[in-house]
């Protein structure tokens, strides 16, 4: 089954939206909500509704696996509740002021910086997954 990006973005009003990022699909899936979880629920519900509609009309439907991805500003805004910019800066080596610019959308990180942030967060997650308590 083919994987398709489902891009998570934060709107200026604080809501989140998700859209499928595949121009060659015969359909477009979107979802919007007050939180990422709400947007995912509406997005996944929309996908199922489209699938049922295609089946009702005996039309071929390409099933895909959606792979959720954040744009940088939305990721930083969403996780700012648990990761401070200062902490994220220590983790990634990216200046906190620069991270602040990414949150507000004033600037966009280069692909190299995106990779640096993503690799650092994945390594941190891996470290956390090995934690055990006595």
C-alpha atoms as a PDB file:
ATOM      1  CA  UNK A   1       0.000   0.000   0.000  1.00  0.00           C
ATOM      2  CA  UNK A   2       1.318   3.394  -0.960  1.00  0.00           C
ATOM      3  CA  UNK A   3       2.101   5.958   1.738  1.00  0.00           C
ATOM      4  CA  UNK A   4       0.821   9.507   1.368  1.00  0.00           C
ATOM      5  CA  UNK A   5       1.806  12.489   3.495  1.00  0.00           C
ATOM      6  CA  UNK A   6      -0.925  13.956   5.661  1.00  0.00           C
ATOM      7  CA  UNK A   7       0.334  17.436   6.520  1.00  0.00           C
ATOM      8  CA  UNK A   8      -0.601  18.890   9.918  1.00  0.00           C
ATOM      9  CA  UNK A   9      -0.715  22.687  10.055  1.00  0.00           C
ATOM     10  CA  UNK A  10      -1.731  25.172  12.728  1.00  0.00           C
ATOM     11  CA  UNK A  11      -3.924  28.041  11.527  1.00  0.00           C
ATOM     12  CA  UNK A  12      -3.638  31.618  12.758  1.00  0.00           C
ATOM     13  CA  UNK A  13      -6.812  31.123  14.837  1.00  0.00           C
ATOM     14  CA  UNK A  14      -5.149  28.264  16.762  1.00  0.00           C
ATOM     15  CA  UNK A  15      -7.050  25.424  15.084  1.00  0.00           C
ATOM     16  CA  UNK A  16      -5.303  22.576  13.290  1.00  0.00           C
ATOM     17  CA  UNK A  17      -5.919  21.257   9.816  1.00  0.00           C
ATOM     18  CA  UNK A  18      -4.702  18.172   8.005  1.00  0.00           C
ATOM     19  CA  UNK A  19      -4.684  17.577   4.277  1.00  0.00           C
ATOM     20  CA  UNK A  20      -3.407  14.779   2.071  1.00  0.00           C
ATOM     21  CA  UNK A  21      -0.391  15.833   0.052  1.00  0.00           C
ATOM     22  CA  UNK A  22      -0.765  13.708  -3.087  1.00  0.00           C
ATOM     23  CA  UNK A  23      -1.712  15.393  -6.337  1.00  0.00           C
ATOM     24  CA  UNK A  24      -2.235  12.092  -8.124  1.00  0.00           C
ATOM     25  CA  UNK A  25      -5.006  10.722  -5.878  1.00  0.00           C
ATOM     26  CA  UNK A  26      -8.522  10.842  -7.280  1.00  0.00           C
ATOM     27  CA  UNK A  27      -9.748  12.431  -4.049  1.00  0.00           C
ATOM     28  CA  UNK A  28      -8.714  14.977  -1.436  1.00  0.00           C
ATOM     29  CA  UNK A  29      -9.000  14.351   2.289  1.00  0.00           C
ATOM     30  CA  UNK A  30      -9.004  17.158   4.854  1.00  0.00           C
ATOM     31  CA  UNK A  31      -9.792  17.510   8.526  1.00  0.00           C
ATOM     32  CA  UNK A  32      -9.942  20.465  10.898  1.00  0.00           C
ATOM     33  CA  UNK A  33     -10.240  20.680  14.660  1.00  0.00           C
ATOM     34  CA  UNK A  34      -9.386  22.602  17.810  1.00  0.00           C
ATOM     35  CA  UNK A  35      -6.572  20.133  18.507  1.00  0.00           C
ATOM     36  CA  UNK A  36      -4.400  17.795  16.463  1.00  0.00           C
ATOM     37  CA  UNK A  37      -6.403  14.870  17.840  1.00  0.00           C
ATOM     38  CA  UNK A  38      -9.693  16.434  16.671  1.00  0.00           C
ATOM     39  CA  UNK A  39      -8.255  17.183  13.239  1.00  0.00           C
ATOM     40  CA  UNK A  40      -6.981  13.594  12.924  1.00  0.00           C
ATOM     41  CA  UNK A  41     -10.387  12.223  13.897  1.00  0.00           C
ATOM     42  CA  UNK A  42     -12.146  14.338  11.241  1.00  0.00           C
ATOM     43  CA  UNK A  43      -9.433  13.566   8.692  1.00  0.00           C
ATOM     44  CA  UNK A  44      -9.681   9.807   9.239  1.00  0.00           C
ATOM     45  CA  UNK A  45     -13.487  10.001   9.250  1.00  0.00           C
ATOM     46  CA  UNK A  46     -13.391  11.895   5.957  1.00  0.00           C
ATOM     47  CA  UNK A  47     -11.151   9.233   4.440  1.00  0.00           C
ATOM     48  CA  UNK A  48     -13.597   6.502   5.482  1.00  0.00           C
ATOM     49  CA  UNK A  49     -16.565   8.508   4.130  1.00  0.00           C
ATOM     50  CA  UNK A  50     -14.851   8.935   0.756  1.00  0.00           C
ATOM     51  CA  UNK A  51     -14.004   5.226   0.674  1.00  0.00           C
ATOM     52  CA  UNK A  52     -17.663   4.312   1.345  1.00  0.00           C
ATOM     53  CA  UNK A  53     -18.873   6.747  -1.310  1.00  0.00           C
ATOM     54  CA  UNK A  54     -16.594   5.188  -3.925  1.00  0.00           C
ATOM     55  CA  UNK A  55     -17.870   1.717  -2.940  1.00  0.00           C
ATOM     56  CA  UNK A  56     -21.533   2.844  -3.206  1.00  0.00           C
ATOM     57  CA  UNK A  57     -20.883   4.101  -6.728  1.00  0.00           C
ATOM     58  CA  UNK A  58     -18.813   1.034  -7.699  1.00  0.00           C
ATOM     59  CA  UNK A  59     -15.830   3.254  -8.459  1.00  0.00           C
ATOM     60  CA  UNK A  60     -12.239   2.078  -7.965  1.00  0.00           C
ATOM     61  CA  UNK A  61     -10.704   3.487  -4.800  1.00  0.00           C
ATOM     62  CA  UNK A  62      -6.983   3.612  -4.148  1.00  0.00           C
ATOM     63  CA  UNK A  63      -6.427   2.827  -0.493  1.00  0.00           C
ATOM     64  CA  UNK A  64      -3.383   4.556   0.927  1.00  0.00           C
ATOM     65  CA  UNK A  65      -1.629   4.693   4.256  1.00  0.00           C
ATOM     66  CA  UNK A  66      -1.528   8.235   5.592  1.00  0.00           C
ATOM     67  CA  UNK A  67       1.765   9.259   7.191  1.00  0.00           C
ATOM     68  CA  UNK A  68       1.290  12.285   9.443  1.00  0.00           C
ATOM     69  CA  UNK A  69       3.907  15.017   9.143  1.00  0.00           C
ATOM     70  CA  UNK A  70       4.029  18.442  10.785  1.00  0.00           C
ATOM     71  CA  UNK A  71       5.219  21.646   9.277  1.00  0.00           C
ATOM     72  CA  UNK A  72       7.892  23.057  11.625  1.00  0.00           C
ATOM     73  CA  UNK A  73       5.843  25.970  13.009  1.00  0.00           C
ATOM     74  CA  UNK A  74       2.915  23.688  13.836  1.00  0.00           C
ATOM     75  CA  UNK A  75       5.127  21.091  15.508  1.00  0.00           C
ATOM     76  CA  UNK A  76       6.843  23.695  17.684  1.00  0.00           C
ATOM     77  CA  UNK A  77       3.549  25.373  18.603  1.00  0.00           C
ATOM     78  CA  UNK A  78       1.834  22.069  19.407  1.00  0.00           C
ATOM     79  CA  UNK A  79       4.632  20.659  21.542  1.00  0.00           C
ATOM     80  CA  UNK A  80       5.497  23.962  23.240  1.00  0.00           C
ATOM     81  CA  UNK A  81       3.201  22.805  26.051  1.00  0.00           C
ATOM     82  CA  UNK A  82       5.733  20.112  26.988  1.00  0.00           C
ATOM     83  CA  UNK A  83       8.984  21.256  25.341  1.00  0.00           C
ATOM     84  CA  UNK A  84      10.196  24.781  26.066  1.00  0.00           C
ATOM     85  CA  UNK A  85      12.133  26.539  23.335  1.00  0.00           C
ATOM     86  CA  UNK A  86      15.114  26.752  25.710  1.00  0.00           C
ATOM     87  CA  UNK A  87      14.974  22.997  26.300  1.00  0.00           C
ATOM     88  CA  UNK A  88      14.509  22.301  22.611  1.00  0.00           C
ATOM     89  CA  UNK A  89      17.466  24.563  21.885  1.00  0.00           C
ATOM     90  CA  UNK A  90      19.661  22.577  24.288  1.00  0.00           C
ATOM     91  CA  UNK A  91      18.441  19.359  22.692  1.00  0.00           C
ATOM     92  CA  UNK A  92      18.940  20.421  19.064  1.00  0.00           C
ATOM     93  CA  UNK A  93      21.680  23.038  19.196  1.00  0.00           C
ATOM     94  CA  UNK A  94      19.409  25.506  17.376  1.00  0.00           C
ATOM     95  CA  UNK A  95      19.296  29.004  18.880  1.00  0.00           C
ATOM     96  CA  UNK A  96      16.075  29.599  20.900  1.00  0.00           C
ATOM     97  CA  UNK A  97      15.475  32.917  19.108  1.00  0.00           C
ATOM     98  CA  UNK A  98      15.667  31.091  15.785  1.00  0.00           C
ATOM     99  CA  UNK A  99      13.194  28.482  17.077  1.00  0.00           C
ATOM    100  CA  UNK A 100      10.904  31.342  18.090  1.00  0.00           C
ATOM    101  CA  UNK A 101      11.012  32.655  14.518  1.00  0.00           C
ATOM    102  CA  UNK A 102      10.002  29.194  13.291  1.00  0.00           C
ATOM    103  CA  UNK A 103       7.053  29.045  15.731  1.00  0.00           C
ATOM    104  CA  UNK A 104       5.679  32.375  14.552  1.00  0.00           C
ATOM    105  CA  UNK A 105       6.290  31.549  10.906  1.00  0.00           C
ATOM    106  CA  UNK A 106       8.498  34.615  10.524  1.00  0.00           C
ATOM    107  CA  UNK A 107      11.208  32.359   9.151  1.00  0.00           C
ATOM    108  CA  UNK A 108      11.359  28.830   7.806  1.00  0.00           C
ATOM    109  CA  UNK A 109      14.176  26.450   8.667  1.00  0.00           C
ATOM    110  CA  UNK A 110      16.452  25.157   5.944  1.00  0.00           C
ATOM    111  CA  UNK A 111      16.170  21.465   5.050  1.00  0.00           C
ATOM    112  CA  UNK A 112      19.455  20.923   6.932  1.00  0.00           C
ATOM    113  CA  UNK A 113      18.011  22.531  10.083  1.00  0.00           C
ATOM    114  CA  UNK A 114      14.764  20.550   9.759  1.00  0.00           C
ATOM    115  CA  UNK A 115      16.817  17.345   9.632  1.00  0.00           C
ATOM    116  CA  UNK A 116      18.917  18.447  12.615  1.00  0.00           C
ATOM    117  CA  UNK A 117      15.793  19.145  14.701  1.00  0.00           C
ATOM    118  CA  UNK A 118      14.062  15.941  13.598  1.00  0.00           C
ATOM    119  CA  UNK A 119      17.128  13.760  14.264  1.00  0.00           C
ATOM    120  CA  UNK A 120      17.585  15.325  17.716  1.00  0.00           C
ATOM    121  CA  UNK A 121      13.939  14.766  18.651  1.00  0.00           C
ATOM    122  CA  UNK A 122      14.026  11.165  17.407  1.00  0.00           C
ATOM    123  CA  UNK A 123      17.208  10.508  19.434  1.00  0.00           C
ATOM    124  CA  UNK A 124      15.576  12.073  22.511  1.00  0.00           C
ATOM    125  CA  UNK A 125      12.491   9.904  22.021  1.00  0.00           C
ATOM    126  CA  UNK A 126      14.680   6.825  21.689  1.00  0.00           C
ATOM    127  CA  UNK A 127      16.475   7.757  24.922  1.00  0.00           C
ATOM    128  CA  UNK A 128      13.146   8.217  26.697  1.00  0.00           C
ATOM    129  CA  UNK A 129      11.881   4.862  25.459  1.00  0.00           C
ATOM    130  CA  UNK A 130      14.717   3.083  27.280  1.00  0.00           C
ATOM    131  CA  UNK A 131      14.037   4.732  30.654  1.00  0.00           C
ATOM    132  CA  UNK A 132      13.103   2.353  33.443  1.00  0.00           C
ATOM    133  CA  UNK A 133      12.263   3.113  37.042  1.00  0.00           C
ATOM    134  CA  UNK A 134      13.141   1.073  40.111  1.00  0.00           C
END
